[in-house]
Amino acid sequence: MKNNRRIFLSIFWVLLGIGLCIAYFVTKLDEFWNSLGVAFIAVGIVQLIRWGRYMLNPEYREKMEVESKDERNRYLATKAWAWAGYLFVLICAIACIVLHILGQNTLSLVTSSGVCLLILLYWVSYLILKRKY
């Protein structure tokens, strides 16, 4: 059932991408929508190929299931997200200061807001996980 939902979602991405490309050519939308449509088509096709291989190749299916359920891989994925979050906060904080020095106050505000939002999300997530575990 879960695989069928993923295949349906992949088909949805392809159809959405086709729709955006058609809308671009018919209504003369800007190029952003055409590029987004092409990206959706590419993502949908890659996912369809991936899930087709998963369903048809038992060896590949077993390899993917082991990788997704392996505790070491889950630990590494969690650690990678933590590092990405730390680096994002540090980079945005440094960018905020540098942009403010350069007189780019609007961009400085955007980066500082990004840092604040991420810290707020971390705090809320921490409280939720603290209750759960």
N, C-alpha and C. Protein backbone atom coordinates (compact mmCIF):
# COMPACT_ATOMS: atom_id res chain seq x y z
N MET A 1 0.82 -1.20 0.00
CA MET A 1 0.00 0.00 0.00
C MET A 1 0.86 1.25 0.00
N LYS A 2 1.92 1.24 0.83
CA LYS A 2 2.77 2.40 0.92
C LYS A 2 3.49 2.66 -0.41
N ASN A 3 3.90 1.57 -1.10
CA ASN A 3 4.57 1.72 -2.38
C ASN A 3 3.62 2.28 -3.44
N ASN A 4 2.36 1.86 -3.41
CA ASN A 4 1.39 2.37 -4.36
C ASN A 4 1.18 3.87 -4.17
N ARG A 5 1.17 4.31 -2.94
CA ARG A 5 1.02 5.74 -2.65
C ARG A 5 2.23 6.51 -3.18
N ARG A 6 3.41 5.96 -3.04
CA ARG A 6 4.61 6.62 -3.54
C ARG A 6 4.62 6.69 -5.06
N ILE A 7 4.17 5.64 -5.71
CA ILE A 7 4.09 5.64 -7.17
C ILE A 7 3.05 6.66 -7.62
N PHE A 8 1.91 6.70 -6.94
CA PHE A 8 0.88 7.70 -7.28
C PHE A 8 1.43 9.11 -7.12
N LEU A 9 2.19 9.35 -6.05
CA LEU A 9 2.77 10.66 -5.84
C LEU A 9 3.78 11.01 -6.94
N SER A 10 4.55 10.02 -7.38
CA SER A 10 5.50 10.26 -8.47
C SER A 10 4.77 10.63 -9.76
N ILE A 11 3.68 9.93 -10.04
CA ILE A 11 2.88 10.25 -11.23
C ILE A 11 2.28 11.64 -11.08
N PHE A 12 1.86 12.00 -9.87
CA PHE A 12 1.32 13.33 -9.62
C PHE A 12 2.36 14.40 -9.95
N TRP A 13 3.63 14.19 -9.55
CA TRP A 13 4.68 15.17 -9.82
C TRP A 13 4.88 15.35 -11.33
N VAL A 14 4.86 14.23 -12.05
CA VAL A 14 5.02 14.31 -13.51
C VAL A 14 3.86 15.09 -14.13
N LEU A 15 2.63 14.77 -13.72
CA LEU A 15 1.46 15.46 -14.27
C LEU A 15 1.44 16.94 -13.89
N LEU A 16 1.82 17.25 -12.67
CA LEU A 16 1.89 18.65 -12.25
C LEU A 16 2.93 19.40 -13.08
N GLY A 17 4.06 18.77 -13.30
CA GLY A 17 5.10 19.38 -14.12
C GLY A 17 4.64 19.61 -15.55
N ILE A 18 3.96 18.64 -16.11
CA ILE A 18 3.42 18.80 -17.47
C ILE A 18 2.41 19.94 -17.49
N GLY A 19 1.56 20.01 -16.47
CA GLY A 19 0.58 21.08 -16.40
C GLY A 19 1.23 22.45 -16.32
N LEU A 20 2.30 22.58 -15.52
CA LEU A 20 3.00 23.86 -15.42
C LEU A 20 3.67 24.24 -16.74
N CYS A 21 4.25 23.26 -17.43
CA CYS A 21 4.88 23.54 -18.72
C CYS A 21 3.84 23.97 -19.75
N ILE A 22 2.70 23.30 -19.77
CA ILE A 22 1.63 23.68 -20.70
C ILE A 22 1.13 25.08 -20.36
N ALA A 23 0.94 25.36 -19.08
CA ALA A 23 0.48 26.70 -18.67
C ALA A 23 1.49 27.77 -19.07
N TYR A 24 2.76 27.44 -19.01
CA TYR A 24 3.80 28.39 -19.41
C TYR A 24 3.66 28.75 -20.89
N PHE A 25 3.47 27.73 -21.73
CA PHE A 25 3.38 27.98 -23.17
C PHE A 25 2.05 28.59 -23.58
N VAL A 26 0.97 28.21 -22.91
CA VAL A 26 -0.36 28.70 -23.30
C VAL A 26 -0.61 30.12 -22.79
N THR A 27 -0.30 30.36 -21.52
CA THR A 27 -0.65 31.66 -20.92
C THR A 27 0.54 32.60 -20.83
N LYS A 28 1.67 32.20 -21.32
CA LYS A 28 2.88 33.04 -21.31
C LYS A 28 3.28 33.45 -19.89
N LEU A 29 3.28 32.48 -18.98
CA LEU A 29 3.79 32.73 -17.64
C LEU A 29 5.30 32.98 -17.70
N ASP A 30 5.88 33.45 -16.62
CA ASP A 30 7.32 33.66 -16.66
C ASP A 30 8.05 32.32 -16.61
N GLU A 31 9.36 32.36 -16.86
CA GLU A 31 10.15 31.15 -17.01
C GLU A 31 10.28 30.34 -15.72
N PHE A 32 10.03 30.97 -14.59
CA PHE A 32 10.10 30.25 -13.31
C PHE A 32 9.18 29.04 -13.33
N TRP A 33 7.95 29.23 -13.82
CA TRP A 33 6.96 28.15 -13.80
C TRP A 33 7.33 27.04 -14.76
N ASN A 34 7.92 27.37 -15.89
CA ASN A 34 8.37 26.34 -16.82
C ASN A 34 9.51 25.54 -16.19
N SER A 35 10.46 26.23 -15.57
CA SER A 35 11.58 25.55 -14.92
C SER A 35 11.09 24.66 -13.78
N LEU A 36 10.14 25.16 -13.02
CA LEU A 36 9.57 24.36 -11.93
C LEU A 36 8.87 23.12 -12.49
N GLY A 37 8.16 23.29 -13.60
CA GLY A 37 7.49 22.16 -14.24
C GLY A 37 8.47 21.11 -14.71
N VAL A 38 9.55 21.54 -15.33
CA VAL A 38 10.58 20.60 -15.79
C VAL A 38 11.20 19.87 -14.60
N ALA A 39 11.43 20.60 -13.52
CA ALA A 39 12.00 19.98 -12.31
C ALA A 39 11.04 18.94 -11.74
N PHE A 40 9.74 19.26 -11.69
CA PHE A 40 8.75 18.28 -11.21
C PHE A 40 8.71 17.04 -12.10
N ILE A 41 8.79 17.24 -13.40
CA ILE A 41 8.80 16.10 -14.32
C ILE A 41 10.02 15.23 -14.06
N ALA A 42 11.18 15.85 -13.91
CA ALA A 42 12.41 15.09 -13.67
C ALA A 42 12.34 14.32 -12.36
N VAL A 43 11.87 14.97 -11.31
CA VAL A 43 11.76 14.30 -10.01
C VAL A 43 10.78 13.13 -10.10
N GLY A 44 9.65 13.35 -10.74
CA GLY A 44 8.66 12.29 -10.87
C GLY A 44 9.18 11.10 -11.64
N ILE A 45 9.90 11.35 -12.74
CA ILE A 45 10.44 10.24 -13.55
C ILE A 45 11.51 9.48 -12.77
N VAL A 46 12.39 10.20 -12.10
CA VAL A 46 13.43 9.54 -11.30
C VAL A 46 12.80 8.68 -10.21
N GLN A 47 11.78 9.22 -9.55
CA GLN A 47 11.10 8.44 -8.50
C GLN A 47 10.39 7.22 -9.08
N LEU A 48 9.76 7.38 -10.23
CA LEU A 48 9.09 6.22 -10.87
C LEU A 48 10.10 5.13 -11.21
N ILE A 49 11.24 5.52 -11.74
CA ILE A 49 12.29 4.54 -12.06
C ILE A 49 12.78 3.86 -10.78
N ARG A 50 12.97 4.66 -9.74
CA ARG A 50 13.46 4.12 -8.47
C ARG A 50 12.47 3.12 -7.88
N TRP A 51 11.18 3.49 -7.84
CA TRP A 51 10.20 2.59 -7.26
C TRP A 51 9.91 1.40 -8.15
N GLY A 52 10.03 1.56 -9.46
CA GLY A 52 9.90 0.42 -10.36
C GLY A 52 11.00 -0.59 -10.11
N ARG A 53 12.22 -0.10 -9.96
CA ARG A 53 13.35 -0.98 -9.65
C ARG A 53 13.16 -1.65 -8.29
N TYR A 54 12.66 -0.91 -7.33
CA TYR A 54 12.42 -1.45 -5.99
C TYR A 54 11.41 -2.60 -6.04
N MET A 55 10.36 -2.43 -6.82
CA MET A 55 9.30 -3.45 -6.86
C MET A 55 9.70 -4.66 -7.70
N LEU A 56 10.54 -4.47 -8.72
CA LEU A 56 10.86 -5.56 -9.63
C LEU A 56 12.13 -6.32 -9.28
N ASN A 57 13.03 -5.71 -8.53
CA ASN A 57 14.32 -6.32 -8.23
C ASN A 57 14.38 -6.68 -6.75
N PRO A 58 14.25 -7.99 -6.42
CA PRO A 58 14.25 -8.40 -5.00
C PRO A 58 15.57 -8.09 -4.28
N GLU A 59 16.68 -8.21 -4.98
CA GLU A 59 17.97 -7.91 -4.34
C GLU A 59 18.06 -6.44 -3.97
N TYR A 60 17.65 -5.57 -4.87
CA TYR A 60 17.67 -4.14 -4.60
C TYR A 60 16.70 -3.79 -3.47
N ARG A 61 15.52 -4.43 -3.47
CA ARG A 61 14.54 -4.20 -2.42
C ARG A 61 15.11 -4.56 -1.06
N GLU A 62 15.76 -5.72 -0.97
CA GLU A 62 16.35 -6.15 0.30
C GLU A 62 17.44 -5.19 0.75
N LYS A 63 18.28 -4.75 -0.19
CA LYS A 63 19.34 -3.81 0.14
C LYS A 63 18.77 -2.50 0.67
N MET A 64 17.73 -1.97 0.04
CA MET A 64 17.12 -0.71 0.46
C MET A 64 16.45 -0.86 1.83
N GLU A 65 15.79 -2.00 2.07
CA GLU A 65 15.13 -2.21 3.35
C GLU A 65 16.15 -2.32 4.48
N VAL A 66 17.27 -2.98 4.23
CA VAL A 66 18.32 -3.09 5.24
C VAL A 66 18.89 -1.70 5.53
N GLU A 67 19.14 -0.92 4.46
CA GLU A 67 19.69 0.42 4.66
C GLU A 67 18.73 1.33 5.42
N SER A 68 17.44 1.21 5.15
CA SER A 68 16.48 2.10 5.81
C SER A 68 16.22 1.71 7.25
N LYS A 69 16.41 0.45 7.60
CA LYS A 69 16.13 -0.01 8.96
C LYS A 69 17.38 -0.16 9.82
N ASP A 70 18.55 0.01 9.22
CA ASP A 70 19.80 -0.15 9.94
C ASP A 70 19.98 0.98 10.96
N GLU A 71 20.29 0.63 12.19
CA GLU A 71 20.44 1.62 13.26
C GLU A 71 21.59 2.58 12.99
N ARG A 72 22.67 2.07 12.42
CA ARG A 72 23.82 2.93 12.13
C ARG A 72 23.43 4.00 11.10
N ASN A 73 22.70 3.61 10.05
CA ASN A 73 22.28 4.59 9.05
C ASN A 73 21.32 5.62 9.63
N ARG A 74 20.45 5.18 10.50
CA ARG A 74 19.54 6.13 11.15
C ARG A 74 20.30 7.10 12.04
N TYR A 75 21.28 6.59 12.75
CA TYR A 75 22.10 7.45 13.61
C TYR A 75 22.85 8.47 12.76
N LEU A 76 23.45 8.01 11.66
CA LEU A 76 24.20 8.92 10.79
C LEU A 76 23.28 9.97 10.18
N ALA A 77 22.08 9.59 9.78
CA ALA A 77 21.14 10.55 9.20
C ALA A 77 20.74 11.60 10.23
N THR A 78 20.49 11.17 11.45
CA THR A 78 20.14 12.10 12.51
C THR A 78 21.30 13.04 12.81
N LYS A 79 22.50 12.50 12.86
CA LYS A 79 23.69 13.31 13.12
C LYS A 79 23.92 14.31 11.99
N ALA A 80 23.70 13.89 10.74
CA ALA A 80 23.87 14.79 9.60
C ALA A 80 22.87 15.95 9.67
N TRP A 81 21.61 15.65 10.05
CA TRP A 81 20.62 16.74 10.20
C TRP A 81 21.04 17.71 11.30
N ALA A 82 21.59 17.16 12.39
CA ALA A 82 22.03 18.04 13.48
C ALA A 82 23.16 18.94 13.02
N TRP A 83 24.13 18.39 12.32
CA TRP A 83 25.24 19.20 11.81
C TRP A 83 24.73 20.25 10.82
N ALA A 84 23.82 19.85 9.95
CA ALA A 84 23.27 20.79 8.97
C ALA A 84 22.57 21.95 9.69
N GLY A 85 21.84 21.65 10.74
CA GLY A 85 21.18 22.70 11.50
C GLY A 85 22.16 23.63 12.17
N TYR A 86 23.20 23.07 12.79
CA TYR A 86 24.21 23.90 13.44
C TYR A 86 24.90 24.81 12.42
N LEU A 87 25.29 24.21 11.30
CA LEU A 87 25.98 24.99 10.27
C LEU A 87 25.08 26.08 9.69
N PHE A 88 23.80 25.76 9.51
CA PHE A 88 22.86 26.76 9.00
C PHE A 88 22.77 27.95 9.94
N VAL A 89 22.65 27.68 11.22
CA VAL A 89 22.56 28.77 12.20
C VAL A 89 23.84 29.60 12.18
N LEU A 90 24.99 28.95 12.17
CA LEU A 90 26.25 29.69 12.17
C LEU A 90 26.42 30.52 10.89
N ILE A 91 26.14 29.93 9.75
CA ILE A 91 26.29 30.65 8.48
C ILE A 91 25.33 31.83 8.41
N CYS A 92 24.09 31.62 8.81
CA CYS A 92 23.12 32.72 8.78
C CYS A 92 23.48 33.81 9.78
N ALA A 93 23.98 33.44 10.94
CA ALA A 93 24.37 34.44 11.93
C ALA A 93 25.54 35.27 11.41
N ILE A 94 26.53 34.62 10.81
CA ILE A 94 27.67 35.34 10.24
C ILE A 94 27.19 36.21 9.08
N ALA A 95 26.33 35.66 8.23
CA ALA A 95 25.81 36.43 7.09
C ALA A 95 25.02 37.64 7.57
N CYS A 96 24.27 37.48 8.64
CA CYS A 96 23.50 38.60 9.20
C CYS A 96 24.42 39.74 9.60
N ILE A 97 25.49 39.42 10.29
CA ILE A 97 26.44 40.44 10.73
C ILE A 97 27.13 41.09 9.53
N VAL A 98 27.61 40.27 8.60
CA VAL A 98 28.31 40.79 7.42
C VAL A 98 27.38 41.66 6.59
N LEU A 99 26.16 41.20 6.37
CA LEU A 99 25.21 41.98 5.58
C LEU A 99 24.86 43.30 6.26
N HIS A 100 24.76 43.28 7.56
CA HIS A 100 24.47 44.53 8.28
C HIS A 100 25.63 45.52 8.14
N ILE A 101 26.85 45.00 8.22
CA ILE A 101 28.02 45.86 8.04
C ILE A 101 28.05 46.44 6.63
N LEU A 102 27.64 45.64 5.64
CA LEU A 102 27.64 46.10 4.25
C LEU A 102 26.45 47.01 3.93
N GLY A 103 25.58 47.22 4.88
CA GLY A 103 24.44 48.11 4.66
C GLY A 103 23.24 47.44 4.00
N GLN A 104 23.25 46.14 3.93
CA GLN A 104 22.13 45.39 3.35
C GLN A 104 21.17 45.00 4.48
N ASN A 105 20.46 45.99 5.00
CA ASN A 105 19.63 45.76 6.18
C ASN A 105 18.48 44.79 5.93
N THR A 106 17.89 44.82 4.74
CA THR A 106 16.78 43.91 4.45
C THR A 106 17.25 42.46 4.43
N LEU A 107 18.38 42.22 3.76
CA LEU A 107 18.92 40.86 3.74
C LEU A 107 19.39 40.42 5.12
N SER A 108 19.92 41.34 5.87
CA SER A 108 20.33 41.03 7.24
C SER A 108 19.12 40.62 8.08
N LEU A 109 18.02 41.31 7.90
CA LEU A 109 16.79 40.99 8.62
C LEU A 109 16.27 39.61 8.22
N VAL A 110 16.35 39.29 6.93
CA VAL A 110 15.89 37.98 6.46
C VAL A 110 16.73 36.86 7.06
N THR A 111 18.05 37.02 7.05
CA THR A 111 18.90 35.97 7.61
C THR A 111 18.72 35.84 9.12
N SER A 112 18.58 36.95 9.82
CA SER A 112 18.36 36.85 11.26
C SER A 112 17.00 36.24 11.57
N SER A 113 16.02 36.52 10.74
CA SER A 113 14.70 35.88 10.91
C SER A 113 14.79 34.38 10.68
N GLY A 114 15.60 33.98 9.71
CA GLY A 114 15.81 32.55 9.47
C GLY A 114 16.42 31.86 10.67
N VAL A 115 17.40 32.50 11.28
CA VAL A 115 18.02 31.94 12.48
C VAL A 115 17.00 31.83 13.60
N CYS A 116 16.23 32.90 13.80
CA CYS A 116 15.21 32.89 14.87
C CYS A 116 14.17 31.80 14.63
N LEU A 117 13.74 31.65 13.38
CA LEU A 117 12.75 30.63 13.06
C LEU A 117 13.29 29.23 13.32
N LEU A 118 14.52 28.98 12.92
CA LEU A 118 15.11 27.67 13.14
C LEU A 118 15.27 27.38 14.63
N ILE A 119 15.70 28.36 15.40
CA ILE A 119 15.84 28.16 16.85
C ILE A 119 14.48 27.92 17.49
N LEU A 120 13.46 28.63 17.04
CA LEU A 120 12.10 28.41 17.54
C LEU A 120 11.62 26.99 17.21
N LEU A 121 11.86 26.55 15.97
CA LEU A 121 11.48 25.19 15.58
C LEU A 121 12.22 24.15 16.42
N TYR A 122 13.50 24.40 16.67
CA TYR A 122 14.28 23.49 17.51
C TYR A 122 13.68 23.41 18.91
N TRP A 123 13.36 24.55 19.48
CA TRP A 123 12.83 24.59 20.84
C TRP A 123 11.49 23.84 20.92
N VAL A 124 10.59 24.10 19.99
CA VAL A 124 9.29 23.43 19.99
C VAL A 124 9.48 21.92 19.79
N SER A 125 10.34 21.53 18.85
CA SER A 125 10.60 20.11 18.62
C SER A 125 11.18 19.45 19.85
N TYR A 126 12.08 20.14 20.52
CA TYR A 126 12.68 19.60 21.74
C TYR A 126 11.62 19.36 22.81
N LEU A 127 10.72 20.32 23.00
CA LEU A 127 9.68 20.15 24.01
C LEU A 127 8.75 18.98 23.67
N ILE A 128 8.41 18.84 22.40
CA ILE A 128 7.54 17.74 21.98
C ILE A 128 8.24 16.42 22.19
N LEU A 129 9.51 16.32 21.76
CA LEU A 129 10.24 15.06 21.92
C LEU A 129 10.52 14.74 23.37
N LYS A 130 10.69 15.76 24.19
CA LYS A 130 10.93 15.55 25.61
C LYS A 130 9.72 14.89 26.26
N ARG A 131 8.53 15.31 25.87
CA ARG A 131 7.30 14.69 26.38
C ARG A 131 7.14 13.26 25.88
N LYS A 132 7.48 13.06 24.62
CA LYS A 132 7.27 11.75 24.00
C LYS A 132 8.24 10.71 24.53
N TYR A 133 9.49 11.09 24.74
CA TYR A 133 10.51 10.13 25.16
C TYR A 133 10.90 10.42 26.58
